[in-house]
Amino acid sequence: MDFDETPAQSAVREAARALAGRFPEEYWQGIEAEHRFPLEFWQALAEQDLLGIAVPEEYGGAGQGVLEVAIAAETLAEHGAGMEGGGLHVAGPVFGGTLLTRHGTPEQKAAGLPGIVTGDVWAGAFTEPDAGSNITRIRTSAQRRGDVYVVNGQKAFISQMAMASRVVVMARTEPYDPAHRSRGISLLAGFLPSPQVEVQPMAKMGSRFMDTNHVFFDDYEVPGEELIGTAGDAWAPLYDVLNPERIVIAAAAVGTGNLAVRRAVAYAGERQVWGGPIGRHQGIQFPLAQARMDLAAARLKVYEAAWLYDRGRDCGIAAATAKYTAAHAALRAADAAIQTLGGAGYIVESGVERHWRNLRLSRLAPVSDEMTLNYIAQHDLGMPRSY
């Protein structure tokens, strides 16, 4: 892996830095207060060609990779956008872009990928209230009836449904077989809005820039030609969504952690107590220095995972490790920033406490800490399956 950025990567980083600088802290505080999607920011991403980074050139994109998407997500987050702006690449460039690029038919690519570049929002409907992380036990079904699949079932914790024009639904197209648990599950790319889809928003602790919902499918029809990959064999396309999702979320977390450190360092240099700036004291310096090193280490793992993905190599362990280490490093950084600011860090106007709340989700989603540790123990350490 070459640690020198290519000219294209440097251009992505500079474009992301410049765009993030156009949206001040007051903008993001308004998004938080209004509980709304940052539409103006999303439109700016499209205008600056930052949504089509990994879309092939023949469909209007830049033809780069997930590594460049990670660079954009990290840079946007670090220079003011936090998880709100850095994590948005999941809602289109990943759920639609990487999925169609690797597993779409020529017709699906021609129909779907140009819209990714210009700002179509995609949602992913994978998780169910009873199955949780055990996705082999999902109950949502999709029955083939003539030219369509008819979807029935319930999903939970599904985000961006309010803005999405497409939704990728994971459903059983064959009955559950205990002897072959992973067989019979398919991915379908449906269209929104639809009267056959009921959405019930959830109130939540953070990440208020995106809606999160219970979703109910009642005879929801998806054209048969919108099956992604092979019927009954969703695993390859699914992990070509889940691994980039983990990489992008991890990159945004690293950037958000560094944003929190930046603000803490600036405050520590300005805050005068006992005859000088508080930043001269080791009790202030050490937690921020530790946070910086942890973030730097996590960033390397994020880039490695993206590098592996772009080369078509197995990146599962690297992506899981990147997401876990980035989530924890960024949370510690945000906590250290709050502690540096003291009481001011607990106040909304500081713009720091929001980042802690938004980052806390990354220990739960897109995969929990516990399931990540299970995965690493089994697939990296070779230990017996524990669940």
Protein backbone atom coordinates (compact mmCIF):
# COMPACT_ATOMS: atom_id res chain seq x y z
CA MET A 1 0.00 0.00 0.00
CA ASP A 2 1.42 3.36 -1.08
CA PHE A 3 1.08 6.07 1.58
CA ASP A 4 1.56 8.86 -0.97
CA GLU A 5 -1.80 10.14 -2.13
CA THR A 6 -2.46 10.09 -5.85
CA PRO A 7 -3.39 13.40 -7.51
CA ALA A 8 -6.97 12.14 -7.73
CA GLN A 9 -7.07 11.35 -4.00
CA SER A 10 -5.62 14.75 -3.13
CA ALA A 11 -8.26 16.37 -5.33
CA VAL A 12 -11.01 14.50 -3.49
CA ARG A 13 -9.60 15.58 -0.13
CA GLU A 14 -9.32 19.21 -1.18
CA ALA A 15 -12.83 19.27 -2.68
CA ALA A 16 -14.26 17.74 0.49
CA ARG A 17 -12.37 20.20 2.72
CA ALA A 18 -13.59 23.17 0.69
CA LEU A 19 -17.19 21.99 0.65
CA ALA A 20 -17.26 21.29 4.40
CA GLY A 21 -16.00 24.83 5.02
CA ARG A 22 -19.07 26.26 3.33
CA PHE A 23 -21.35 24.86 6.05
CA PRO A 24 -20.68 26.44 9.45
CA GLU A 25 -21.45 25.00 12.87
CA GLU A 26 -24.70 26.98 12.95
CA TYR A 27 -25.96 25.03 9.94
CA TRP A 28 -25.41 21.68 11.66
CA GLN A 29 -26.95 22.91 14.90
CA GLY A 30 -30.00 23.89 12.88
CA ILE A 31 -30.18 20.44 11.31
CA GLU A 32 -30.01 18.94 14.80
CA ALA A 33 -32.70 21.23 16.21
CA GLU A 34 -35.05 20.68 13.27
CA HIS A 35 -34.46 16.90 13.05
CA ARG A 36 -34.12 17.11 9.29
CA PHE A 37 -32.00 15.74 6.48
CA PRO A 38 -29.16 18.13 5.44
CA LEU A 39 -30.57 18.52 1.95
CA GLU A 40 -28.50 21.60 1.07
CA PHE A 41 -25.30 19.77 2.00
CA TRP A 42 -26.39 16.67 0.05
CA GLN A 43 -27.10 18.77 -3.03
CA ALA A 44 -23.69 20.41 -2.70
CA LEU A 45 -22.06 16.96 -2.59
CA ALA A 46 -23.78 16.11 -5.86
CA GLU A 47 -22.84 19.45 -7.47
CA GLN A 48 -19.18 18.93 -6.52
CA ASP A 49 -19.19 15.36 -7.91
CA LEU A 50 -18.53 13.89 -4.47
CA LEU A 51 -21.37 11.35 -4.60
CA GLY A 52 -20.14 9.63 -7.76
CA ILE A 53 -16.56 9.07 -6.63
CA ALA A 54 -16.75 5.27 -6.95
CA VAL A 55 -19.30 5.13 -9.78
CA PRO A 56 -17.74 3.96 -13.08
CA GLU A 57 -17.00 6.71 -15.57
CA GLU A 58 -19.38 5.33 -18.19
CA TYR A 59 -22.26 6.10 -15.81
CA GLY A 60 -21.14 9.64 -15.00
CA GLY A 61 -18.91 8.95 -12.02
CA ALA A 62 -15.20 9.40 -11.33
CA GLY A 63 -14.36 5.70 -11.58
CA GLN A 64 -12.38 5.65 -8.34
CA GLY A 65 -12.82 3.37 -5.34
CA VAL A 66 -14.07 3.00 -1.80
CA LEU A 67 -10.71 4.30 -0.54
CA GLU A 68 -11.44 7.63 -2.20
CA VAL A 69 -14.97 7.58 -0.75
CA ALA A 70 -13.43 7.00 2.69
CA ILE A 71 -11.06 9.95 2.15
CA ALA A 72 -14.04 12.15 1.30
CA ALA A 73 -16.07 10.96 4.30
CA GLU A 74 -13.18 11.47 6.72
CA THR A 75 -12.33 14.92 5.36
CA LEU A 76 -15.92 16.17 5.35
CA ALA A 77 -16.33 15.04 8.94
CA GLU A 78 -13.06 16.50 10.20
CA HIS A 79 -13.62 19.91 8.67
CA GLY A 80 -16.98 20.57 10.25
CA ALA A 81 -19.59 18.14 8.98
CA GLY A 82 -19.05 15.42 11.61
CA MET A 83 -20.99 12.17 11.31
CA GLU A 84 -23.90 14.11 9.83
CA GLY A 85 -21.99 14.93 6.66
CA GLY A 86 -19.25 12.30 6.69
CA GLY A 87 -21.61 9.35 7.01
CA LEU A 88 -24.00 10.41 4.25
CA HIS A 89 -22.12 8.47 1.58
CA VAL A 90 -23.80 5.33 2.86
CA ALA A 91 -27.16 6.67 1.62
CA GLY A 92 -26.59 6.20 -2.09
CA PRO A 93 -22.92 5.72 -2.96
CA VAL A 94 -22.83 2.52 -0.84
CA PHE A 95 -26.37 1.14 -0.64
CA GLY A 96 -26.87 1.80 -4.35
CA GLY A 97 -23.47 2.52 -5.83
CA THR A 98 -21.21 -0.29 -4.65
CA LEU A 99 -24.08 -2.77 -4.85
CA LEU A 100 -24.92 -2.05 -8.48
CA THR A 101 -21.30 -1.58 -9.57
CA ARG A 102 -20.34 -5.08 -8.45
CA HIS A 103 -23.60 -7.01 -8.78
CA GLY A 104 -25.98 -5.11 -11.02
CA THR A 105 -26.95 -6.21 -14.50
CA PRO A 106 -26.04 -3.85 -17.35
CA GLU A 107 -29.65 -2.67 -17.33
CA GLN A 108 -29.65 -2.09 -13.57
CA LYS A 109 -26.40 -0.14 -13.77
CA ALA A 110 -27.62 2.03 -16.64
CA ALA A 111 -30.87 2.78 -14.81
CA GLY A 112 -29.49 3.29 -11.29
CA LEU A 113 -25.91 4.51 -11.28
CA PRO A 114 -26.34 7.90 -12.98
CA GLY A 115 -28.87 8.82 -10.30
CA ILE A 116 -26.33 8.02 -7.56
CA VAL A 117 -24.04 10.67 -9.06
CA THR A 118 -26.78 13.32 -9.13
CA GLY A 119 -28.12 12.67 -5.62
CA ASP A 120 -30.58 9.79 -5.45
CA VAL A 121 -30.92 8.54 -1.86
CA TRP A 122 -31.04 4.80 -1.25
CA ALA A 123 -32.08 3.06 1.97
CA GLY A 124 -31.18 -0.45 3.12
CA ALA A 125 -33.90 -2.54 4.77
CA PHE A 126 -32.01 -5.43 6.35
CA THR A 127 -32.57 -5.55 10.12
CA GLU A 128 -35.67 -7.10 11.71
CA PRO A 129 -36.93 -6.71 15.29
CA ASP A 130 -36.84 -10.43 16.13
CA ALA A 131 -33.82 -11.55 14.09
CA GLY A 132 -31.40 -8.76 15.08
CA SER A 133 -27.88 -9.64 13.97
CA ASN A 134 -28.97 -13.19 13.11
CA ILE A 135 -30.03 -12.28 9.61
CA THR A 136 -30.49 -15.92 8.59
CA ARG A 137 -33.71 -15.86 10.66
CA ILE A 138 -35.38 -12.96 8.93
CA ARG A 139 -39.11 -13.41 8.31
CA THR A 140 -39.76 -10.85 5.60
CA SER A 141 -40.76 -12.82 2.52
CA ALA A 142 -40.73 -12.10 -1.19
CA GLN A 143 -42.84 -14.36 -3.38
CA ARG A 144 -42.45 -14.38 -7.14
CA ARG A 145 -45.79 -13.72 -8.82
CA GLY A 146 -45.40 -13.37 -12.54
CA ASP A 147 -43.17 -10.39 -13.31
CA VAL A 148 -42.89 -9.12 -9.73
CA TYR A 149 -41.78 -10.10 -6.26
CA VAL A 150 -44.41 -9.42 -3.60
CA VAL A 151 -42.79 -8.45 -0.30
CA ASN A 152 -44.43 -8.81 3.11
CA GLY A 153 -42.84 -8.30 6.51
CA GLN A 154 -41.38 -5.87 9.00
CA LYS A 155 -37.99 -4.19 9.32
CA ALA A 156 -36.58 -2.13 12.19
CA PHE A 157 -33.95 0.59 12.61
CA ILE A 158 -34.13 1.53 8.92
CA SER A 159 -32.80 5.00 8.13
CA GLN A 160 -33.30 7.55 5.35
CA MET A 161 -36.73 6.27 4.32
CA ALA A 162 -38.11 9.81 4.22
CA MET A 163 -35.66 10.84 1.48
CA ALA A 164 -35.08 7.57 -0.35
CA SER A 165 -36.24 6.92 -3.89
CA ARG A 166 -34.94 3.33 -3.74
CA VAL A 167 -34.78 0.74 -0.97
CA VAL A 168 -32.75 -2.48 -0.95
CA VAL A 169 -34.84 -5.11 0.82
CA MET A 170 -33.41 -8.34 2.18
CA ALA A 171 -36.12 -10.99 2.08
CA ARG A 172 -36.63 -14.73 2.06
CA THR A 173 -37.50 -16.05 -1.37
CA GLU A 174 -37.32 -19.64 -0.11
CA PRO A 175 -38.39 -21.18 3.23
CA TYR A 176 -35.87 -21.36 6.06
CA ASP A 177 -33.82 -24.57 6.02
CA PRO A 178 -31.99 -25.29 9.32
CA ALA A 179 -29.44 -27.37 7.43
CA HIS A 180 -28.62 -24.51 5.05
CA ARG A 181 -29.45 -21.39 7.06
CA SER A 182 -28.04 -18.82 4.67
CA ARG A 183 -29.77 -20.11 1.58
CA GLY A 184 -33.00 -18.71 0.26
CA ILE A 185 -32.33 -15.02 1.04
CA SER A 186 -32.40 -12.46 -1.78
CA LEU A 187 -31.80 -8.74 -2.27
CA LEU A 188 -34.41 -6.68 -4.10
CA ALA A 189 -34.08 -3.03 -5.12
CA GLY A 190 -37.52 -1.49 -4.83
CA PHE A 191 -38.89 1.95 -5.59
CA LEU A 192 -40.23 4.60 -3.20
CA PRO A 193 -42.58 6.10 -2.21
CA SER A 194 -45.19 3.33 -2.20
CA PRO A 195 -48.61 2.97 -0.53
CA GLN A 196 -47.58 -0.60 0.31
CA VAL A 197 -44.78 0.64 2.58
CA GLU A 198 -45.65 2.03 6.01
CA VAL A 199 -42.96 3.97 7.86
CA GLN A 200 -43.11 4.67 11.61
CA PRO A 201 -40.32 7.02 12.79
CA MET A 202 -38.42 6.35 16.01
CA ALA A 203 -37.28 9.04 18.44
CA LYS A 204 -33.63 8.52 19.32
CA MET A 205 -30.65 9.77 21.27
CA GLY A 206 -28.64 11.19 18.40
CA SER A 207 -28.15 11.12 14.62
CA ARG A 208 -31.18 13.36 14.25
CA PHE A 209 -30.11 14.35 10.75
CA MET A 210 -31.55 11.07 9.50
CA ASP A 211 -34.89 9.44 10.16
CA THR A 212 -34.81 5.95 11.67
CA ASN A 213 -37.90 3.81 11.42
CA HIS A 214 -39.99 0.72 11.78
CA VAL A 215 -40.90 -0.24 8.21
CA PHE A 216 -43.83 -2.48 7.22
CA PHE A 217 -44.17 -4.04 3.76
CA ASP A 218 -47.71 -5.07 2.81
CA ASP A 219 -47.84 -6.72 -0.62
CA TYR A 220 -45.08 -4.37 -1.76
CA GLU A 221 -44.27 -5.14 -5.39
CA VAL A 222 -40.71 -5.08 -6.73
CA PRO A 223 -40.19 -5.73 -10.45
CA GLY A 224 -38.52 -9.07 -11.06
CA GLU A 225 -35.71 -7.41 -12.99
CA GLU A 226 -34.74 -5.56 -9.79
CA LEU A 227 -33.45 -8.74 -8.14
CA ILE A 228 -29.79 -8.10 -7.31
CA GLY A 229 -27.57 -11.05 -8.11
CA THR A 230 -28.98 -14.56 -7.87
CA ALA A 231 -32.28 -15.46 -6.21
CA GLY A 232 -31.69 -17.19 -2.89
CA ASP A 233 -28.01 -16.25 -2.70
CA ALA A 234 -27.73 -12.75 -1.24
CA TRP A 235 -24.44 -13.14 0.59
CA ALA A 236 -21.95 -11.87 -1.98
CA PRO A 237 -23.92 -8.71 -2.86
CA LEU A 238 -24.88 -8.18 0.77
CA TYR A 239 -21.29 -8.10 1.98
CA ASP A 240 -20.33 -5.82 -0.87
CA VAL A 241 -22.73 -3.40 0.81
CA LEU A 242 -21.98 -4.14 4.46
CA ASN A 243 -18.19 -3.95 4.19
CA PRO A 244 -18.13 -0.57 2.40
CA GLU A 245 -20.76 0.65 4.87
CA ARG A 246 -18.46 -0.24 7.77
CA ILE A 247 -15.49 1.38 6.04
CA VAL A 248 -17.30 4.65 5.32
CA ILE A 249 -18.82 4.86 8.81
CA ALA A 250 -15.36 4.21 10.28
CA ALA A 251 -13.80 6.91 8.09
CA ALA A 252 -16.46 9.41 9.16
CA ALA A 253 -15.88 8.46 12.81
CA VAL A 254 -12.14 9.10 12.48
CA GLY A 255 -12.85 12.48 10.94
CA THR A 256 -15.40 13.35 13.61
CA GLY A 257 -13.00 12.34 16.36
CA ASN A 258 -10.34 14.61 14.88
CA LEU A 259 -12.90 17.42 14.62
CA ALA A 260 -13.57 17.07 18.35
CA VAL A 261 -9.82 17.10 19.11
CA ARG A 262 -9.34 20.20 16.96
CA ARG A 263 -12.05 22.07 18.86
CA ALA A 264 -10.69 20.95 22.22
CA VAL A 265 -7.16 22.07 21.34
CA ALA A 266 -8.45 25.46 20.19
CA TYR A 267 -10.44 25.90 23.40
CA ALA A 268 -7.49 24.82 25.56
CA GLY A 269 -5.33 27.45 23.90
CA GLU A 270 -7.85 30.22 24.56
CA ARG A 271 -9.22 29.34 28.00
CA GLN A 272 -7.27 31.25 30.67
CA VAL A 273 -7.34 29.90 34.24
CA TRP A 274 -4.72 30.33 36.98
CA GLY A 275 -2.62 32.72 34.97
CA GLY A 276 -2.38 30.94 31.63
CA PRO A 277 -4.09 28.77 29.03
CA ILE A 278 -5.31 25.42 30.34
CA GLY A 279 -3.65 23.75 27.35
CA ARG A 280 -0.23 24.05 29.02
CA HIS A 281 -1.21 21.45 31.62
CA GLN A 282 -0.51 17.76 31.10
CA GLY A 283 -3.92 16.84 32.47
CA ILE A 284 -5.39 18.54 29.41
CA GLN A 285 -2.70 17.57 26.92
CA PHE A 286 -2.40 13.86 27.59
CA PRO A 287 -6.01 12.77 26.89
CA LEU A 288 -6.02 14.76 23.65
CA ALA A 289 -2.64 13.38 22.59
CA GLN A 290 -3.83 9.86 23.36
CA ALA A 291 -7.01 10.46 21.35
CA ARG A 292 -4.98 11.74 18.41
CA MET A 293 -2.78 8.63 18.37
CA ASP A 294 -5.75 6.28 18.65
CA LEU A 295 -7.45 8.01 15.74
CA ALA A 296 -4.29 7.84 13.64
CA ALA A 297 -4.04 4.08 14.22
CA ALA A 298 -7.72 3.55 13.39
CA ARG A 299 -7.33 5.59 10.22
CA LEU A 300 -4.66 3.21 8.94
CA LYS A 301 -7.02 0.27 9.37
CA VAL A 302 -9.81 2.13 7.57
CA TYR A 303 -7.54 2.80 4.60
CA GLU A 304 -6.28 -0.79 4.58
CA ALA A 305 -9.82 -2.18 4.52
CA ALA A 306 -10.80 0.14 1.66
CA TRP A 307 -7.61 -0.73 -0.22
CA LEU A 308 -8.40 -4.44 0.07
CA TYR A 309 -12.00 -3.94 -1.03
CA ASP A 310 -10.98 -1.97 -4.11
CA ARG A 311 -8.68 -4.81 -5.16
CA GLY A 312 -11.39 -7.43 -4.83
CA ARG A 313 -9.67 -9.09 -1.89
CA ASP A 314 -11.24 -10.33 1.33
CA CYS A 315 -11.66 -7.28 3.53
CA GLY A 316 -14.10 -8.63 6.13
CA ILE A 317 -11.67 -8.80 9.04
CA ALA A 318 -10.08 -5.46 8.15
CA ALA A 319 -13.46 -3.72 7.75
CA ALA A 320 -14.73 -5.10 11.06
CA THR A 321 -11.53 -4.06 12.82
CA ALA A 322 -11.64 -0.61 11.23
CA LYS A 323 -15.21 0.02 12.32
CA TYR A 324 -14.57 -1.17 15.88
CA THR A 325 -11.31 0.72 16.41
CA ALA A 326 -12.59 3.91 14.78
CA ALA A 327 -15.81 3.90 16.80
CA HIS A 328 -13.97 3.53 20.10
CA ALA A 329 -11.18 5.97 19.23
CA ALA A 330 -13.63 8.62 18.08
CA LEU A 331 -15.85 8.25 21.14
CA ARG A 332 -12.83 8.61 23.43
CA ALA A 333 -11.79 11.69 21.49
CA ALA A 334 -15.23 13.27 21.79
CA ASP A 335 -15.31 12.47 25.50
CA ALA A 336 -11.87 14.00 25.98
CA ALA A 337 -13.06 17.10 24.15
CA ILE A 338 -16.09 17.42 26.42
CA GLN A 339 -13.84 17.05 29.45
CA THR A 340 -11.47 19.70 28.11
CA LEU A 341 -14.30 22.18 27.68
CA GLY A 342 -15.70 21.29 31.09
CA GLY A 343 -19.22 22.52 31.67
CA ALA A 344 -19.15 24.30 28.31
CA GLY A 345 -18.65 20.94 26.58
CA TYR A 346 -21.94 19.69 27.99
CA ILE A 347 -23.84 22.63 26.51
CA VAL A 348 -25.39 22.35 23.05
CA GLU A 349 -23.81 25.56 21.78
CA SER A 350 -20.33 24.07 22.15
CA GLY A 351 -20.99 21.74 19.21
CA VAL A 352 -19.10 18.96 20.97
CA GLU A 353 -21.72 17.00 22.89
CA ARG A 354 -23.65 16.38 19.65
CA HIS A 355 -20.68 14.57 18.18
CA TRP A 356 -20.46 12.25 21.18
CA ARG A 357 -24.14 11.38 20.83
CA ASN A 358 -23.84 10.79 17.10
CA LEU A 359 -20.71 8.70 17.50
CA ARG A 360 -22.28 6.49 20.16
CA LEU A 361 -24.39 4.85 17.46
CA SER A 362 -21.26 3.49 15.79
CA ARG A 363 -20.76 1.01 18.64
CA LEU A 364 -24.17 -0.45 17.79
CA ALA A 365 -24.50 -0.04 14.05
CA PRO A 366 -24.01 -1.14 11.39
CA VAL A 367 -22.85 -4.02 13.60
CA SER A 368 -22.56 -4.16 17.37
CA ASP A 369 -19.30 -4.36 19.30
CA GLU A 370 -20.23 -7.80 20.56
CA MET A 371 -20.88 -9.27 17.11
CA THR A 372 -17.66 -7.69 15.85
CA LEU A 373 -15.69 -9.37 18.62
CA ASN A 374 -17.44 -12.67 17.87
CA TYR A 375 -16.46 -12.32 14.22
CA ILE A 376 -12.81 -11.49 14.95
CA ALA A 377 -12.49 -14.31 17.48
CA GLN A 378 -13.87 -16.84 15.01
CA HIS A 379 -12.50 -15.68 11.66
CA ASP A 380 -9.22 -14.03 12.66
CA LEU A 381 -8.19 -15.99 15.76
CA GLY A 382 -9.69 -19.30 14.61
CA MET A 383 -11.59 -19.83 17.87
CA PRO A 384 -14.86 -21.81 18.09
CA ARG A 385 -18.09 -20.06 17.14
CA SER A 386 -19.57 -18.70 20.36
CA TYR A 387 -23.11 -17.83 19.33
